[in-house]
């Protein structure tokens, strides 16, 4: 099993606004790569396995919803040469994954109504 990196440019997990942000669909694709046996469970679905895992994650209700009840958040990831948008989930309680969040990623900002915070 490989290690998960946090707050690096290619990471699937970041810390922002004192919580955790996981990048979709990348984090779910990574999960399927690490645990290919989930493909057997997801075979009955007519969707890609990563999407099956994403739906399973949403059913856990660990994530924050936006005011419009939409679950996917957009963040700006600012690199040394460019800024790119990433989409994913913000956690209601980050201690589910990381007991002590040490710092927020200074290069990641949440978009709120087409503006970053």
PDB file of N, CA and C in Angstrom:
ATOM      1  N   UNK A   1       0.850  -1.183   0.000  1.00  0.00           N
ATOM      2  CA  UNK A   1       0.000   0.000   0.000  1.00  0.00           C
ATOM      3  C   UNK A   1       0.893   1.242   0.000  1.00  0.00           C
ATOM      4  N   UNK A   2       0.530   2.194  -0.808  1.00  0.00           N
ATOM      5  CA  UNK A   2       1.278   3.434  -0.887  1.00  0.00           C
ATOM      6  C   UNK A   2       0.793   4.412   0.183  1.00  0.00           C
ATOM      7  N   UNK A   3       1.597   5.423   0.435  1.00  0.00           N
ATOM      8  CA  UNK A   3       1.218   6.455   1.394  1.00  0.00           C
ATOM      9  C   UNK A   3       0.366   7.510   0.710  1.00  0.00           C
ATOM     10  N   UNK A   4      -0.542   8.088   1.464  1.00  0.00           N
ATOM     11  CA  UNK A   4      -1.316   9.223   0.969  1.00  0.00           C
ATOM     12  C   UNK A   4      -0.593  10.500   1.361  1.00  0.00           C
ATOM     13  N   UNK A   5      -0.411  11.372   0.400  1.00  0.00           N
ATOM     14  CA  UNK A   5       0.233  12.646   0.694  1.00  0.00           C
ATOM     15  C   UNK A   5      -0.853  13.703   0.921  1.00  0.00           C
ATOM     16  N   UNK A   6      -0.516  14.665   1.741  1.00  0.00           N
ATOM     17  CA  UNK A   6      -1.463  15.725   2.093  1.00  0.00           C
ATOM     18  C   UNK A   6      -0.824  17.076   1.785  1.00  0.00           C
ATOM     19  N   UNK A   7      -1.631  17.973   1.219  1.00  0.00           N
ATOM     20  CA  UNK A   7      -1.238  19.366   0.978  1.00  0.00           C
ATOM     21  C   UNK A   7      -0.072  19.545   0.004  1.00  0.00           C
ATOM     22  N   UNK A   8       0.128  18.590  -0.860  1.00  0.00           N
ATOM     23  CA  UNK A   8       1.119  18.723  -1.924  1.00  0.00           C
ATOM     24  C   UNK A   8       0.367  18.981  -3.228  1.00  0.00           C
ATOM     25  N   UNK A   9       1.019  19.532  -4.250  1.00  0.00           N
ATOM     26  CA  UNK A   9       0.303  19.876  -5.483  1.00  0.00           C
ATOM     27  C   UNK A   9      -0.510  18.734  -6.102  1.00  0.00           C
ATOM     28  N   UNK A  10      -0.007  17.503  -6.087  1.00  0.00           N
ATOM     29  CA  UNK A  10      -0.718  16.382  -6.696  1.00  0.00           C
ATOM     30  C   UNK A  10      -1.510  15.555  -5.682  1.00  0.00           C
ATOM     31  N   UNK A  11      -1.611  16.022  -4.448  1.00  0.00           N
ATOM     32  CA  UNK A  11      -2.295  15.279  -3.391  1.00  0.00           C
ATOM     33  C   UNK A  11      -3.798  15.205  -3.639  1.00  0.00           C
ATOM     34  N   UNK A  12      -4.408  14.149  -3.121  1.00  0.00           N
ATOM     35  CA  UNK A  12      -5.851  13.985  -3.187  1.00  0.00           C
ATOM     36  C   UNK A  12      -6.521  14.419  -1.883  1.00  0.00           C
ATOM     37  N   UNK A  13      -5.699  14.754  -0.885  1.00  0.00           N
ATOM     38  CA  UNK A  13      -6.204  15.202   0.414  1.00  0.00           C
ATOM     39  C   UNK A  13      -5.501  16.507   0.771  1.00  0.00           C
ATOM     40  N   UNK A  14      -6.305  17.499   1.172  1.00  0.00           N
ATOM     41  CA  UNK A  14      -5.769  18.801   1.579  1.00  0.00           C
ATOM     42  C   UNK A  14      -6.473  19.248   2.852  1.00  0.00           C
ATOM     43  N   UNK A  15      -5.865  20.192   3.539  1.00  0.00           N
ATOM     44  CA  UNK A  15      -6.523  20.826   4.676  1.00  0.00           C
ATOM     45  C   UNK A  15      -6.783  22.282   4.307  1.00  0.00           C
ATOM     46  N   UNK A  16      -8.000  22.728   4.577  1.00  0.00           N
ATOM     47  CA  UNK A  16      -8.404  24.085   4.250  1.00  0.00           C
ATOM     48  C   UNK A  16      -9.513  24.505   5.215  1.00  0.00           C
ATOM     49  N   UNK A  17      -9.498  25.743   5.639  1.00  0.00           N
ATOM     50  CA  UNK A  17     -10.523  26.264   6.567  1.00  0.00           C
ATOM     51  C   UNK A  17     -10.765  25.336   7.755  1.00  0.00           C
ATOM     52  N   UNK A  18      -9.691  24.809   8.308  1.00  0.00           N
ATOM     53  CA  UNK A  18      -9.723  23.938   9.491  1.00  0.00           C
ATOM     54  C   UNK A  18     -10.509  22.646   9.288  1.00  0.00           C
ATOM     55  N   UNK A  19     -10.549  22.170   8.061  1.00  0.00           N
ATOM     56  CA  UNK A  19     -11.178  20.880   7.786  1.00  0.00           C
ATOM     57  C   UNK A  19     -10.405  20.173   6.681  1.00  0.00           C
ATOM     58  N   UNK A  20     -10.920  19.041   6.249  1.00  0.00           N
ATOM     59  CA  UNK A  20     -10.278  18.244   5.207  1.00  0.00           C
ATOM     60  C   UNK A  20     -11.054  18.391   3.908  1.00  0.00           C
ATOM     61  N   UNK A  21     -10.307  18.481   2.825  1.00  0.00           N
ATOM     62  CA  UNK A  21     -10.860  18.535   1.470  1.00  0.00           C
ATOM     63  C   UNK A  21     -10.293  17.340   0.715  1.00  0.00           C
ATOM     64  N   UNK A  22     -11.173  16.473   0.185  1.00  0.00           N
ATOM     65  CA  UNK A  22     -10.714  15.357  -0.632  1.00  0.00           C
ATOM     66  C   UNK A  22     -11.126  15.606  -2.078  1.00  0.00           C
ATOM     67  N   UNK A  23     -10.199  15.379  -2.990  1.00  0.00           N
ATOM     68  CA  UNK A  23     -10.401  15.664  -4.407  1.00  0.00           C
ATOM     69  C   UNK A  23     -11.150  14.499  -5.063  1.00  0.00           C
ATOM     70  N   UNK A  24     -12.218  14.838  -5.768  1.00  0.00           N
ATOM     71  CA  UNK A  24     -12.975  13.833  -6.498  1.00  0.00           C
ATOM     72  C   UNK A  24     -12.804  14.060  -7.998  1.00  0.00           C
ATOM     73  N   UNK A  25     -12.721  13.066  -8.806  1.00  0.00           N
ATOM     74  CA  UNK A  25     -12.866  11.649  -8.482  1.00  0.00           C
ATOM     75  C   UNK A  25     -11.571  10.970  -8.071  1.00  0.00           C
ATOM     76  N   UNK A  26     -10.470  11.725  -8.036  1.00  0.00           N
ATOM     77  CA  UNK A  26      -9.149  11.140  -7.789  1.00  0.00           C
ATOM     78  C   UNK A  26      -9.039  10.278  -6.543  1.00  0.00           C
ATOM     79  N   UNK A  27      -9.603  10.730  -5.432  1.00  0.00           N
ATOM     80  CA  UNK A  27      -9.482   9.975  -4.189  1.00  0.00           C
ATOM     81  C   UNK A  27     -10.209   8.634  -4.294  1.00  0.00           C
ATOM     82  N   UNK A  28     -11.319   8.609  -5.006  1.00  0.00           N
ATOM     83  CA  UNK A  28     -12.082   7.362  -5.152  1.00  0.00           C
ATOM     84  C   UNK A  28     -11.405   6.418  -6.144  1.00  0.00           C
ATOM     85  N   UNK A  29     -10.800   6.969  -7.181  1.00  0.00           N
ATOM     86  CA  UNK A  29     -10.026   6.150  -8.115  1.00  0.00           C
ATOM     87  C   UNK A  29      -8.834   5.519  -7.403  1.00  0.00           C
ATOM     88  N   UNK A  30      -8.196   6.299  -6.564  1.00  0.00           N
ATOM     89  CA  UNK A  30      -7.058   5.797  -5.783  1.00  0.00           C
ATOM     90  C   UNK A  30      -7.497   4.672  -4.856  1.00  0.00           C
ATOM     91  N   UNK A  31      -8.648   4.832  -4.231  1.00  0.00           N
ATOM     92  CA  UNK A  31      -9.178   3.805  -3.336  1.00  0.00           C
ATOM     93  C   UNK A  31      -9.398   2.495  -4.096  1.00  0.00           C
ATOM     94  N   UNK A  32      -9.969   2.582  -5.278  1.00  0.00           N
ATOM     95  CA  UNK A  32     -10.229   1.389  -6.087  1.00  0.00           C
ATOM     96  C   UNK A  32      -8.912   0.719  -6.490  1.00  0.00           C
ATOM     97  N   UNK A  33      -7.886   1.510  -6.785  1.00  0.00           N
ATOM     98  CA  UNK A  33      -6.573   0.945  -7.118  1.00  0.00           C
ATOM     99  C   UNK A  33      -5.983   0.198  -5.922  1.00  0.00           C
ATOM    100  N   UNK A  34      -6.133   0.756  -4.735  1.00  0.00           N
ATOM    101  CA  UNK A  34      -5.573   0.158  -3.525  1.00  0.00           C
ATOM    102  C   UNK A  34      -6.378  -1.053  -3.059  1.00  0.00           C
ATOM    103  N   UNK A  35      -7.685  -1.037  -3.307  1.00  0.00           N
ATOM    104  CA  UNK A  35      -8.573  -2.115  -2.859  1.00  0.00           C
ATOM    105  C   UNK A  35      -9.408  -2.619  -4.042  1.00  0.00           C
ATOM    106  N   UNK A  36      -8.786  -3.341  -4.964  1.00  0.00           N
ATOM    107  CA  UNK A  36      -9.496  -3.776  -6.176  1.00  0.00           C
ATOM    108  C   UNK A  36     -10.670  -4.718  -5.896  1.00  0.00           C
ATOM    109  N   UNK A  37     -10.721  -5.309  -4.718  1.00  0.00           N
ATOM    110  CA  UNK A  37     -11.830  -6.207  -4.395  1.00  0.00           C
ATOM    111  C   UNK A  37     -13.176  -5.492  -4.385  1.00  0.00           C
ATOM    112  N   UNK A  38     -13.199  -4.166  -4.254  1.00  0.00           N
ATOM    113  CA  UNK A  38     -14.475  -3.443  -4.291  1.00  0.00           C
ATOM    114  C   UNK A  38     -15.133  -3.552  -5.668  1.00  0.00           C
ATOM    115  N   UNK A  39     -14.352  -3.888  -6.669  1.00  0.00           N
ATOM    116  CA  UNK A  39     -14.921  -4.058  -8.012  1.00  0.00           C
ATOM    117  C   UNK A  39     -15.953  -5.186  -8.024  1.00  0.00           C
ATOM    118  N   UNK A  40     -15.741  -6.194  -7.206  1.00  0.00           N
ATOM    119  CA  UNK A  40     -16.695  -7.303  -7.133  1.00  0.00           C
ATOM    120  C   UNK A  40     -18.023  -6.841  -6.564  1.00  0.00           C
ATOM    121  N   UNK A  41     -17.974  -5.977  -5.552  1.00  0.00           N
ATOM    122  CA  UNK A  41     -19.188  -5.456  -4.931  1.00  0.00           C
ATOM    123  C   UNK A  41     -19.912  -4.518  -5.884  1.00  0.00           C
ATOM    124  N   UNK A  42     -19.153  -3.715  -6.599  1.00  0.00           N
ATOM    125  CA  UNK A  42     -19.733  -2.696  -7.466  1.00  0.00           C
ATOM    126  C   UNK A  42     -20.187  -3.231  -8.826  1.00  0.00           C
ATOM    127  N   UNK A  43     -19.894  -4.473  -9.126  1.00  0.00           N
ATOM    128  CA  UNK A  43     -20.233  -5.023 -10.449  1.00  0.00           C
ATOM    129  C   UNK A  43     -21.719  -4.949 -10.774  1.00  0.00           C
ATOM    130  N   UNK A  44     -22.563  -5.017  -9.777  1.00  0.00           N
ATOM    131  CA  UNK A  44     -24.006  -4.986 -10.021  1.00  0.00           C
ATOM    132  C   UNK A  44     -24.485  -3.619 -10.482  1.00  0.00           C
ATOM    133  N   UNK A  45     -23.683  -2.593 -10.223  1.00  0.00           N
ATOM    134  CA  UNK A  45     -24.035  -1.236 -10.637  1.00  0.00           C
ATOM    135  C   UNK A  45     -23.639  -1.027 -12.107  1.00  0.00           C
ATOM    136  N   UNK A  46     -24.323  -0.114 -12.745  1.00  0.00           N
ATOM    137  CA  UNK A  46     -24.009   0.199 -14.145  1.00  0.00           C
ATOM    138  C   UNK A  46     -23.141   1.456 -14.248  1.00  0.00           C
ATOM    139  N   UNK A  47     -22.434   1.778 -13.175  1.00  0.00           N
ATOM    140  CA  UNK A  47     -21.575   2.963 -13.142  1.00  0.00           C
ATOM    141  C   UNK A  47     -20.134   2.528 -12.896  1.00  0.00           C
ATOM    142  N   UNK A  48     -19.172   3.412 -13.176  1.00  0.00           N
ATOM    143  CA  UNK A  48     -17.778   3.082 -12.872  1.00  0.00           C
ATOM    144  C   UNK A  48     -17.600   2.815 -11.368  1.00  0.00           C
ATOM    145  N   UNK A  49     -16.633   1.983 -11.054  1.00  0.00           N
ATOM    146  CA  UNK A  49     -16.420   1.585  -9.662  1.00  0.00           C
ATOM    147  C   UNK A  49     -16.117   2.797  -8.785  1.00  0.00           C
ATOM    148  N   UNK A  50     -15.340   3.761  -9.288  1.00  0.00           N
ATOM    149  CA  UNK A  50     -15.021   4.934  -8.468  1.00  0.00           C
ATOM    150  C   UNK A  50     -16.292   5.701  -8.118  1.00  0.00           C
ATOM    151  N   UNK A  51     -17.240   5.752  -9.044  1.00  0.00           N
ATOM    152  CA  UNK A  51     -18.494   6.468  -8.787  1.00  0.00           C
ATOM    153  C   UNK A  51     -19.321   5.718  -7.740  1.00  0.00           C
ATOM    154  N   UNK A  52     -19.283   4.406  -7.785  1.00  0.00           N
ATOM    155  CA  UNK A  52     -19.949   3.591  -6.774  1.00  0.00           C
ATOM    156  C   UNK A  52     -19.379   3.925  -5.383  1.00  0.00           C
ATOM    157  N   UNK A  53     -18.042   4.041  -5.305  1.00  0.00           N
ATOM    158  CA  UNK A  53     -17.403   4.373  -4.032  1.00  0.00           C
ATOM    159  C   UNK A  53     -17.750   5.799  -3.602  1.00  0.00           C
ATOM    160  N   UNK A  54     -17.855   6.708  -4.541  1.00  0.00           N
ATOM    161  CA  UNK A  54     -18.237   8.088  -4.223  1.00  0.00           C
ATOM    162  C   UNK A  54     -19.641   8.119  -3.632  1.00  0.00           C
ATOM    163  N   UNK A  55     -20.564   7.383  -4.223  1.00  0.00           N
ATOM    164  CA  UNK A  55     -21.933   7.328  -3.691  1.00  0.00           C
ATOM    165  C   UNK A  55     -21.948   6.709  -2.299  1.00  0.00           C
ATOM    166  N   UNK A  56     -21.117   5.679  -2.094  1.00  0.00           N
ATOM    167  CA  UNK A  56     -21.029   5.049  -0.770  1.00  0.00           C
ATOM    168  C   UNK A  56     -20.500   6.047   0.254  1.00  0.00           C
ATOM    169  N   UNK A  57     -19.517   6.865  -0.152  1.00  0.00           N
ATOM    170  CA  UNK A  57     -18.995   7.902   0.744  1.00  0.00           C
ATOM    171  C   UNK A  57     -20.091   8.908   1.096  1.00  0.00           C
ATOM    172  N   UNK A  58     -20.846   9.345   0.102  1.00  0.00           N
ATOM    173  CA  UNK A  58     -21.909  10.324   0.356  1.00  0.00           C
ATOM    174  C   UNK A  58     -22.954   9.787   1.332  1.00  0.00           C
ATOM    175  N   UNK A  59     -23.230   8.506   1.261  1.00  0.00           N
ATOM    176  CA  UNK A  59     -24.207   7.914   2.186  1.00  0.00           C
ATOM    177  C   UNK A  59     -23.742   7.982   3.642  1.00  0.00           C
ATOM    178  N   UNK A  60     -22.438   8.079   3.871  1.00  0.00           N
ATOM    179  CA  UNK A  60     -21.909   8.191   5.230  1.00  0.00           C
ATOM    180  C   UNK A  60     -22.213   9.556   5.857  1.00  0.00           C
ATOM    181  N   UNK A  61     -22.454  10.555   5.014  1.00  0.00           N
ATOM    182  CA  UNK A  61     -22.774  11.920   5.444  1.00  0.00           C
ATOM    183  C   UNK A  61     -21.686  12.569   6.308  1.00  0.00           C
ATOM    184  N   UNK A  62     -20.444  12.311   5.966  1.00  0.00           N
ATOM    185  CA  UNK A  62     -19.317  12.935   6.642  1.00  0.00           C
ATOM    186  C   UNK A  62     -19.001  14.310   6.060  1.00  0.00           C
ATOM    187  N   UNK A  63     -19.609  14.625   4.940  1.00  0.00           N
ATOM    188  CA  UNK A  63     -19.243  15.823   4.193  1.00  0.00           C
ATOM    189  C   UNK A  63     -20.219  16.976   4.434  1.00  0.00           C
ATOM    190  N   UNK A  64     -19.687  18.178   4.220  1.00  0.00           N
ATOM    191  CA  UNK A  64     -20.512  19.389   4.314  1.00  0.00           C
ATOM    192  C   UNK A  64     -21.282  19.557   3.017  1.00  0.00           C
ATOM    193  N   UNK A  65     -22.472  20.089   3.144  1.00  0.00           N
ATOM    194  CA  UNK A  65     -23.251  20.450   1.961  1.00  0.00           C
ATOM    195  C   UNK A  65     -23.246  21.969   1.838  1.00  0.00           C
ATOM    196  N   UNK A  66     -23.300  22.430   0.610  1.00  0.00           N
ATOM    197  CA  UNK A  66     -23.388  23.861   0.366  1.00  0.00           C
ATOM    198  C   UNK A  66     -24.825  24.314   0.609  1.00  0.00           C
ATOM    199  N   UNK A  67     -25.052  25.613   0.616  1.00  0.00           N
ATOM    200  CA  UNK A  67     -26.391  26.159   0.852  1.00  0.00           C
ATOM    201  C   UNK A  67     -27.420  25.638  -0.141  1.00  0.00           C
ATOM    202  N   UNK A  68     -26.981  25.323  -1.364  1.00  0.00           N
ATOM    203  CA  UNK A  68     -27.905  24.814  -2.375  1.00  0.00           C
ATOM    204  C   UNK A  68     -28.034  23.286  -2.317  1.00  0.00           C
ATOM    205  N   UNK A  69     -27.565  22.686  -1.226  1.00  0.00           N
ATOM    206  CA  UNK A  69     -27.602  21.234  -0.973  1.00  0.00           C
ATOM    207  C   UNK A  69     -26.656  20.434  -1.863  1.00  0.00           C
ATOM    208  N   UNK A  70     -25.870  21.101  -2.671  1.00  0.00           N
ATOM    209  CA  UNK A  70     -24.896  20.429  -3.512  1.00  0.00           C
ATOM    210  C   UNK A  70     -23.718  19.995  -2.645  1.00  0.00           C
ATOM    211  N   UNK A  71     -23.140  18.838  -2.919  1.00  0.00           N
ATOM    212  CA  UNK A  71     -22.079  18.277  -2.073  1.00  0.00           C
ATOM    213  C   UNK A  71     -20.668  18.609  -2.533  1.00  0.00           C
ATOM    214  N   UNK A  72     -20.495  18.873  -3.821  1.00  0.00           N
ATOM    215  CA  UNK A  72     -19.156  19.086  -4.370  1.00  0.00           C
ATOM    216  C   UNK A  72     -18.764  20.551  -4.258  1.00  0.00           C
ATOM    217  N   UNK A  73     -17.601  20.791  -3.662  1.00  0.00           N
ATOM    218  CA  UNK A  73     -17.058  22.132  -3.499  1.00  0.00           C
ATOM    219  C   UNK A  73     -15.949  22.348  -4.526  1.00  0.00           C
ATOM    220  N   UNK A  74     -15.687  23.585  -4.857  1.00  0.00           N
ATOM    221  CA  UNK A  74     -14.599  23.942  -5.762  1.00  0.00           C
ATOM    222  C   UNK A  74     -13.582  24.764  -4.990  1.00  0.00           C
ATOM    223  N   UNK A  75     -12.325  24.420  -5.179  1.00  0.00           N
ATOM    224  CA  UNK A  75     -11.241  25.169  -4.548  1.00  0.00           C
ATOM    225  C   UNK A  75     -10.244  25.593  -5.611  1.00  0.00           C
ATOM    226  N   UNK A  76      -9.534  26.656  -5.320  1.00  0.00           N
ATOM    227  CA  UNK A  76      -8.443  27.112  -6.172  1.00  0.00           C
ATOM    228  C   UNK A  76      -7.149  26.631  -5.546  1.00  0.00           C
ATOM    229  N   UNK A  77      -6.372  25.869  -6.293  1.00  0.00           N
ATOM    230  CA  UNK A  77      -5.079  25.382  -5.843  1.00  0.00           C
ATOM    231  C   UNK A  77      -4.024  26.210  -6.555  1.00  0.00           C
ATOM    232  N   UNK A  78      -3.367  27.067  -5.790  1.00  0.00           N
ATOM    233  CA  UNK A  78      -2.411  28.011  -6.361  1.00  0.00           C
ATOM    234  C   UNK A  78      -1.015  27.421  -6.331  1.00  0.00           C
ATOM    235  N   UNK A  79      -0.441  27.239  -7.510  1.00  0.00           N
ATOM    236  CA  UNK A  79       0.917  26.725  -7.619  1.00  0.00           C
ATOM    237  C   UNK A  79       1.884  27.839  -7.956  1.00  0.00           C
ATOM    238  N   UNK A  80       3.171  27.512  -8.039  1.00  0.00           N
ATOM    239  CA  UNK A  80       4.164  28.543  -8.350  1.00  0.00           C
ATOM    240  C   UNK A  80       4.005  29.120  -9.750  1.00  0.00           C
ATOM    241  N   UNK A  81       3.449  28.325 -10.671  1.00  0.00           N
ATOM    242  CA  UNK A  81       3.321  28.779 -12.054  1.00  0.00           C
ATOM    243  C   UNK A  81       1.888  29.031 -12.485  1.00  0.00           C
ATOM    244  N   UNK A  82       0.928  28.393 -11.807  1.00  0.00           N
ATOM    245  CA  UNK A  82      -0.462  28.552 -12.235  1.00  0.00           C
ATOM    246  C   UNK A  82      -1.419  28.218 -11.090  1.00  0.00           C
ATOM    247  N   UNK A  83      -2.675  28.527 -11.326  1.00  0.00           N
ATOM    248  CA  UNK A  83      -3.737  28.197 -10.386  1.00  0.00           C
ATOM    249  C   UNK A  83      -4.716  27.293 -11.109  1.00  0.00           C
ATOM    250  N   UNK A  84      -5.121  26.209 -10.445  1.00  0.00           N
ATOM    251  CA  UNK A  84      -6.109  25.334 -11.065  1.00  0.00           C
ATOM    252  C   UNK A  84      -7.255  25.093 -10.097  1.00  0.00           C
ATOM    253  N   UNK A  85      -8.402  24.800 -10.675  1.00  0.00           N
ATOM    254  CA  UNK A  85      -9.577  24.485  -9.869  1.00  0.00           C
ATOM    255  C   UNK A  85      -9.586  22.989  -9.591  1.00  0.00           C
ATOM    256  N   UNK A  86      -9.917  22.638  -8.356  1.00  0.00           N
ATOM    257  CA  UNK A  86     -10.101  21.242  -7.990  1.00  0.00           C
ATOM    258  C   UNK A  86     -11.467  21.119  -7.333  1.00  0.00           C
ATOM    259  N   UNK A  87     -12.087  19.967  -7.494  1.00  0.00           N
ATOM    260  CA  UNK A  87     -13.427  19.738  -6.971  1.00  0.00           C
ATOM    261  C   UNK A  87     -13.370  18.588  -5.974  1.00  0.00           C
ATOM    262  N   UNK A  88     -14.186  18.697  -4.934  1.00  0.00           N
ATOM    263  CA  UNK A  88     -14.181  17.624  -3.952  1.00  0.00           C
ATOM    264  C   UNK A  88     -15.121  17.881  -2.799  1.00  0.00           C
ATOM    265  N   UNK A  89     -14.884  17.150  -1.732  1.00  0.00           N
ATOM    266  CA  UNK A  89     -15.735  17.185  -0.546  1.00  0.00           C
ATOM    267  C   UNK A  89     -14.998  17.812   0.624  1.00  0.00           C
ATOM    268  N   UNK A  90     -15.727  18.611   1.388  1.00  0.00           N
ATOM    269  CA  UNK A  90     -15.233  19.141   2.659  1.00  0.00           C
ATOM    270  C   UNK A  90     -15.866  18.321   3.777  1.00  0.00           C
ATOM    271  N   UNK A  91     -15.104  18.002   4.783  1.00  0.00           N
ATOM    272  CA  UNK A  91     -15.614  17.207   5.898  1.00  0.00           C
ATOM    273  C   UNK A  91     -16.263  18.088   6.956  1.00  0.00           C
ATOM    274  N   UNK A  92     -17.355  17.587   7.534  1.00  0.00           N
ATOM    275  CA  UNK A  92     -17.965  18.251   8.694  1.00  0.00           C
ATOM    276  C   UNK A  92     -17.022  18.171   9.894  1.00  0.00           C
ATOM    277  N   UNK A  93     -16.453  17.006  10.109  1.00  0.00           N
ATOM    278  CA  UNK A  93     -15.560  16.768  11.245  1.00  0.00           C
ATOM    279  C   UNK A  93     -14.259  16.175  10.720  1.00  0.00           C
ATOM    280  N   UNK A  94     -13.207  16.984  10.615  1.00  0.00           N
ATOM    281  CA  UNK A  94     -11.953  16.479  10.047  1.00  0.00           C
ATOM    282  C   UNK A  94     -11.263  15.444  10.918  1.00  0.00           C
ATOM    283  N   UNK A  95     -11.616  15.369  12.198  1.00  0.00           N
ATOM    284  CA  UNK A  95     -10.950  14.402  13.079  1.00  0.00           C
ATOM    285  C   UNK A  95     -11.316  12.959  12.747  1.00  0.00           C
ATOM    286  N   UNK A  96     -12.297  12.770  11.861  1.00  0.00           N
ATOM    287  CA  UNK A  96     -12.617  11.413  11.399  1.00  0.00           C
ATOM    288  C   UNK A  96     -11.397  10.813  10.703  1.00  0.00           C
ATOM    289  N   UNK A  97     -10.668  11.629   9.948  1.00  0.00           N
ATOM    290  CA  UNK A  97      -9.477  11.156   9.228  1.00  0.00           C
ATOM    291  C   UNK A  97      -8.180  11.544   9.906  1.00  0.00           C
ATOM    292  N   UNK A  98      -8.105  12.772  10.378  1.00  0.00           N
ATOM    293  CA  UNK A  98      -6.868  13.283  10.975  1.00  0.00           C
ATOM    294  C   UNK A  98      -7.210  13.865  12.345  1.00  0.00           C
ATOM    295  N   UNK A  99      -6.767  13.211  13.421  1.00  0.00           N
ATOM    296  CA  UNK A  99      -7.130  13.682  14.770  1.00  0.00           C
ATOM    297  C   UNK A  99      -6.711  15.128  15.066  1.00  0.00           C
ATOM    298  N   UNK A 100      -5.540  15.520  14.588  1.00  0.00           N
ATOM    299  CA  UNK A 100      -5.042  16.870  14.855  1.00  0.00           C
ATOM    300  C   UNK A 100      -4.572  17.510  13.558  1.00  0.00           C
ATOM    301  N   UNK A 101      -5.368  18.417  13.026  1.00  0.00           N
ATOM    302  CA  UNK A 101      -4.950  19.140  11.824  1.00  0.00           C
ATOM    303  C   UNK A 101      -3.962  20.209  12.260  1.00  0.00           C
ATOM    304  N   UNK A 102      -2.757  20.105  11.732  1.00  0.00           N
ATOM    305  CA  UNK A 102      -1.686  20.992  12.158  1.00  0.00           C
ATOM    306  C   UNK A 102      -1.788  22.366  11.506  1.00  0.00           C
ATOM    307  N   UNK A 103      -2.073  22.408  10.218  1.00  0.00           N
ATOM    308  CA  UNK A 103      -2.159  23.684   9.512  1.00  0.00           C
ATOM    309  C   UNK A 103      -3.042  23.538   8.290  1.00  0.00           C
ATOM    310  N   UNK A 104      -3.487  24.657   7.781  1.00  0.00           N
ATOM    311  CA  UNK A 104      -4.256  24.686   6.535  1.00  0.00           C
ATOM    312  C   UNK A 104      -3.298  24.895   5.372  1.00  0.00           C
ATOM    313  N   UNK A 105      -3.613  24.292   4.244  1.00  0.00           N
ATOM    314  CA  UNK A 105      -2.806  24.446   3.053  1.00  0.00           C
ATOM    315  C   UNK A 105      -2.891  25.911   2.605  1.00  0.00           C
ATOM    316  N   UNK A 106      -1.788  26.639   2.656  1.00  0.00           N
ATOM    317  CA  UNK A 106      -1.841  28.061   2.276  1.00  0.00           C
ATOM    318  C   UNK A 106      -2.088  28.287   0.790  1.00  0.00           C
ATOM    319  N   UNK A 107      -1.982  27.249  -0.013  1.00  0.00           N
ATOM    320  CA  UNK A 107      -2.149  27.366  -1.453  1.00  0.00           C
ATOM    321  C   UNK A 107      -3.543  26.973  -1.929  1.00  0.00           C
ATOM    322  N   UNK A 108      -4.422  26.632  -0.983  1.00  0.00           N
ATOM    323  CA  UNK A 108      -5.773  26.190  -1.341  1.00  0.00           C
ATOM    324  C   UNK A 108      -6.796  27.149  -0.760  1.00  0.00           C
ATOM    325  N   UNK A 109      -7.718  27.590  -1.594  1.00  0.00           N
ATOM    326  CA  UNK A 109      -8.785  28.500  -1.170  1.00  0.00           C
ATOM    327  C   UNK A 109     -10.116  27.966  -1.672  1.00  0.00           C
ATOM    328  N   UNK A 110     -11.148  28.043  -0.839  1.00  0.00           N
ATOM    329  CA  UNK A 110     -12.475  27.583  -1.218  1.00  0.00           C
ATOM    330  C   UNK A 110     -13.170  28.665  -2.035  1.00  0.00           C
ATOM    331  N   UNK A 111     -13.799  28.261  -3.139  1.00  0.00           N
ATOM    332  CA  UNK A 111     -14.615  29.173  -3.923  1.00  0.00           C
ATOM    333  C   UNK A 111     -15.982  29.294  -3.260  1.00  0.00           C
ATOM    334  N   UNK A 112     -16.405  30.505  -2.998  1.00  0.00           N
ATOM    335  CA  UNK A 112     -17.748  30.771  -2.483  1.00  0.00           C
ATOM    336  C   UNK A 112     -18.413  31.734  -3.446  1.00  0.00           C
ATOM    337  N   UNK A 113     -19.435  31.249  -4.138  1.00  0.00           N
ATOM    338  CA  UNK A 113     -20.133  32.085  -5.134  1.00  0.00           C
ATOM    339  C   UNK A 113     -19.181  32.701  -6.136  1.00  0.00           C
ATOM    340  N   UNK A 114     -18.341  31.853  -6.704  1.00  0.00           N
ATOM    341  CA  UNK A 114     -17.363  32.238  -7.729  1.00  0.00           C
ATOM    342  C   UNK A 114     -16.243  33.137  -7.204  1.00  0.00           C
ATOM    343  N   UNK A 115     -16.094  33.211  -5.897  1.00  0.00           N
ATOM    344  CA  UNK A 115     -14.986  33.959  -5.313  1.00  0.00           C
ATOM    345  C   UNK A 115     -14.287  33.050  -4.316  1.00  0.00           C
ATOM    346  N   UNK A 116     -13.003  33.267  -4.098  1.00  0.00           N
ATOM    347  CA  UNK A 116     -12.273  32.458  -3.118  1.00  0.00           C
ATOM    348  C   UNK A 116     -12.358  33.116  -1.762  1.00  0.00           C
ATOM    349  N   UNK A 117     -12.283  32.279  -0.733  1.00  0.00           N
ATOM    350  CA  UNK A 117     -12.289  32.838   0.626  1.00  0.00           C
ATOM    351  C   UNK A 117     -10.922  32.677   1.255  1.00  0.00           C
TER     352      UNK A 117
END
